[in-house]
């Protein structure tokens, strides 16, 4: 993976493996991607907290990895997931982080 473009991070687009709905976008460093692959659950790097965090570690709404695809430039991943818990991915309680239209 090419982590050089975003100071050691790559965007991770999270998609529901069954419905193809885009659920969220997070960022991963090499450790987050390695932990995601090792555990089978989506793990990200928090830019605001400067640490790794596994989605759902406090809410129970984990994202079980079904597949990971890499883009043609090796600088972004598409992570196809199965939503666990109540299935809501957004910290606001919404199903997806993309629930508002640009006006």
C-alpha atoms as a PDB file:
ATOM      1  CA  UNK A   1       0.000   0.000   0.000  1.00  0.00           C
ATOM      2  CA  UNK A   2       1.125   3.552  -0.712  1.00  0.00           C
ATOM      3  CA  UNK A   3       0.805   5.474   2.556  1.00  0.00           C
ATOM      4  CA  UNK A   4       2.901   8.417   1.321  1.00  0.00           C
ATOM      5  CA  UNK A   5       0.144  10.670  -0.038  1.00  0.00           C
ATOM      6  CA  UNK A   6      -1.709  11.339   3.236  1.00  0.00           C
ATOM      7  CA  UNK A   7       1.071  11.348   5.834  1.00  0.00           C
ATOM      8  CA  UNK A   8       0.994   7.620   6.476  1.00  0.00           C
ATOM      9  CA  UNK A   9      -2.742   7.109   5.985  1.00  0.00           C
ATOM     10  CA  UNK A  10      -5.015   5.683   3.320  1.00  0.00           C
ATOM     11  CA  UNK A  11      -8.772   6.229   2.928  1.00  0.00           C
ATOM     12  CA  UNK A  12     -10.899   3.180   3.679  1.00  0.00           C
ATOM     13  CA  UNK A  13     -14.334   3.176   2.063  1.00  0.00           C
ATOM     14  CA  UNK A  14     -16.660   0.917   4.038  1.00  0.00           C
ATOM     15  CA  UNK A  15     -19.414  -0.807   2.081  1.00  0.00           C
ATOM     16  CA  UNK A  16     -22.164  -3.220   3.145  1.00  0.00           C
ATOM     17  CA  UNK A  17     -21.200  -6.505   1.471  1.00  0.00           C
ATOM     18  CA  UNK A  18     -24.827  -7.525   0.955  1.00  0.00           C
ATOM     19  CA  UNK A  19     -26.528  -4.288  -0.173  1.00  0.00           C
ATOM     20  CA  UNK A  20     -23.469  -2.411  -1.584  1.00  0.00           C
ATOM     21  CA  UNK A  21     -24.513   0.650   0.457  1.00  0.00           C
ATOM     22  CA  UNK A  22     -21.583   2.915   1.334  1.00  0.00           C
ATOM     23  CA  UNK A  23     -21.593   3.133   5.125  1.00  0.00           C
ATOM     24  CA  UNK A  24     -18.643   5.330   6.026  1.00  0.00           C
ATOM     25  CA  UNK A  25     -15.146   6.462   5.134  1.00  0.00           C
ATOM     26  CA  UNK A  26     -12.333   6.140   7.620  1.00  0.00           C
ATOM     27  CA  UNK A  27      -8.559   6.248   7.516  1.00  0.00           C
ATOM     28  CA  UNK A  28      -6.080   3.444   8.075  1.00  0.00           C
ATOM     29  CA  UNK A  29      -2.375   3.416   8.669  1.00  0.00           C
ATOM     30  CA  UNK A  30      -0.314   0.268   8.165  1.00  0.00           C
ATOM     31  CA  UNK A  31      -1.083  -0.927  11.711  1.00  0.00           C
ATOM     32  CA  UNK A  32      -4.842  -0.430  11.322  1.00  0.00           C
ATOM     33  CA  UNK A  33      -4.878  -2.367   8.057  1.00  0.00           C
ATOM     34  CA  UNK A  34      -2.772  -5.152   9.574  1.00  0.00           C
ATOM     35  CA  UNK A  35      -5.082  -5.366  12.608  1.00  0.00           C
ATOM     36  CA  UNK A  36      -8.150  -5.370  10.352  1.00  0.00           C
ATOM     37  CA  UNK A  37      -6.706  -8.282   8.409  1.00  0.00           C
ATOM     38  CA  UNK A  38      -5.591 -10.131  11.542  1.00  0.00           C
ATOM     39  CA  UNK A  39      -8.848  -9.790  13.526  1.00  0.00           C
ATOM     40  CA  UNK A  40     -11.402  -9.715  10.722  1.00  0.00           C
ATOM     41  CA  UNK A  41     -12.977  -6.517  12.107  1.00  0.00           C
ATOM     42  CA  UNK A  42     -12.585  -3.014  10.656  1.00  0.00           C
ATOM     43  CA  UNK A  43      -9.997  -0.989  12.570  1.00  0.00           C
ATOM     44  CA  UNK A  44      -9.098   2.604  11.796  1.00  0.00           C
ATOM     45  CA  UNK A  45      -6.620   5.285  12.778  1.00  0.00           C
ATOM     46  CA  UNK A  46      -8.276   8.194  14.563  1.00  0.00           C
ATOM     47  CA  UNK A  47      -6.711  11.436  13.403  1.00  0.00           C
ATOM     48  CA  UNK A  48      -8.258  13.402  16.277  1.00  0.00           C
ATOM     49  CA  UNK A  49      -7.232  10.941  19.004  1.00  0.00           C
ATOM     50  CA  UNK A  50      -4.017   9.833  17.284  1.00  0.00           C
ATOM     51  CA  UNK A  51      -4.636   6.146  17.977  1.00  0.00           C
ATOM     52  CA  UNK A  52      -6.123   2.970  16.553  1.00  0.00           C
ATOM     53  CA  UNK A  53      -9.792   2.202  17.157  1.00  0.00           C
ATOM     54  CA  UNK A  54     -11.953  -0.715  16.160  1.00  0.00           C
ATOM     55  CA  UNK A  55     -15.384   0.291  14.900  1.00  0.00           C
ATOM     56  CA  UNK A  56     -17.943  -0.848  17.459  1.00  0.00           C
ATOM     57  CA  UNK A  57     -15.505  -1.355  20.324  1.00  0.00           C
ATOM     58  CA  UNK A  58     -17.833   0.577  22.641  1.00  0.00           C
ATOM     59  CA  UNK A  59     -21.197   0.451  20.811  1.00  0.00           C
ATOM     60  CA  UNK A  60     -21.080  -3.210  19.804  1.00  0.00           C
ATOM     61  CA  UNK A  61     -21.759  -2.234  16.188  1.00  0.00           C
ATOM     62  CA  UNK A  62     -18.684  -3.951  14.797  1.00  0.00           C
ATOM     63  CA  UNK A  63     -17.932  -4.305  11.106  1.00  0.00           C
ATOM     64  CA  UNK A  64     -16.973  -7.873  10.195  1.00  0.00           C
ATOM     65  CA  UNK A  65     -14.743  -7.880   7.123  1.00  0.00           C
ATOM     66  CA  UNK A  66     -15.957  -9.927   4.176  1.00  0.00           C
ATOM     67  CA  UNK A  67     -13.446  -8.692   1.590  1.00  0.00           C
ATOM     68  CA  UNK A  68     -10.840  -5.980   1.065  1.00  0.00           C
ATOM     69  CA  UNK A  69     -10.212  -4.535  -2.393  1.00  0.00           C
ATOM     70  CA  UNK A  70      -7.367  -2.199  -3.333  1.00  0.00           C
ATOM     71  CA  UNK A  71      -7.664   0.585  -5.909  1.00  0.00           C
ATOM     72  CA  UNK A  72      -5.425   0.845  -8.963  1.00  0.00           C
ATOM     73  CA  UNK A  73      -3.050   3.341  -7.290  1.00  0.00           C
ATOM     74  CA  UNK A  74      -2.575   1.232  -4.127  1.00  0.00           C
ATOM     75  CA  UNK A  75      -3.629   4.211  -1.985  1.00  0.00           C
ATOM     76  CA  UNK A  76      -7.267   3.434  -1.060  1.00  0.00           C
ATOM     77  CA  UNK A  77      -9.092   0.332   0.132  1.00  0.00           C
ATOM     78  CA  UNK A  78     -12.705  -0.709  -0.237  1.00  0.00           C
ATOM     79  CA  UNK A  79     -13.698  -2.821   2.746  1.00  0.00           C
ATOM     80  CA  UNK A  80     -16.827  -4.896   2.285  1.00  0.00           C
ATOM     81  CA  UNK A  81     -18.390  -5.682   5.637  1.00  0.00           C
ATOM     82  CA  UNK A  82     -21.190  -7.386   7.491  1.00  0.00           C
ATOM     83  CA  UNK A  83     -22.757  -5.008  10.023  1.00  0.00           C
ATOM     84  CA  UNK A  84     -23.059  -6.448  13.538  1.00  0.00           C
ATOM     85  CA  UNK A  85     -24.976  -5.176  16.560  1.00  0.00           C
ATOM     86  CA  UNK A  86     -27.944  -2.954  15.719  1.00  0.00           C
ATOM     87  CA  UNK A  87     -26.432  -2.321  12.279  1.00  0.00           C
ATOM     88  CA  UNK A  88     -26.115   1.432  12.649  1.00  0.00           C
ATOM     89  CA  UNK A  89     -22.686   2.596  11.577  1.00  0.00           C
ATOM     90  CA  UNK A  90     -22.774   6.363  12.096  1.00  0.00           C
ATOM     91  CA  UNK A  91     -21.937   7.800  15.514  1.00  0.00           C
ATOM     92  CA  UNK A  92     -25.233   9.755  15.261  1.00  0.00           C
ATOM     93  CA  UNK A  93     -27.166   6.493  15.337  1.00  0.00           C
ATOM     94  CA  UNK A  94     -27.922   6.475  11.606  1.00  0.00           C
ATOM     95  CA  UNK A  95     -27.499   3.355   9.494  1.00  0.00           C
ATOM     96  CA  UNK A  96     -24.883   5.068   7.295  1.00  0.00           C
ATOM     97  CA  UNK A  97     -22.769   8.194   7.701  1.00  0.00           C
ATOM     98  CA  UNK A  98     -24.167   9.291   4.324  1.00  0.00           C
ATOM     99  CA  UNK A  99     -27.741  10.133   5.269  1.00  0.00           C
ATOM    100  CA  UNK A 100     -27.848  13.883   4.455  1.00  0.00           C
ATOM    101  CA  UNK A 101     -28.188  15.502   1.023  1.00  0.00           C
ATOM    102  CA  UNK A 102     -26.009  18.439   0.086  1.00  0.00           C
ATOM    103  CA  UNK A 103     -28.226  21.485  -0.215  1.00  0.00           C
END
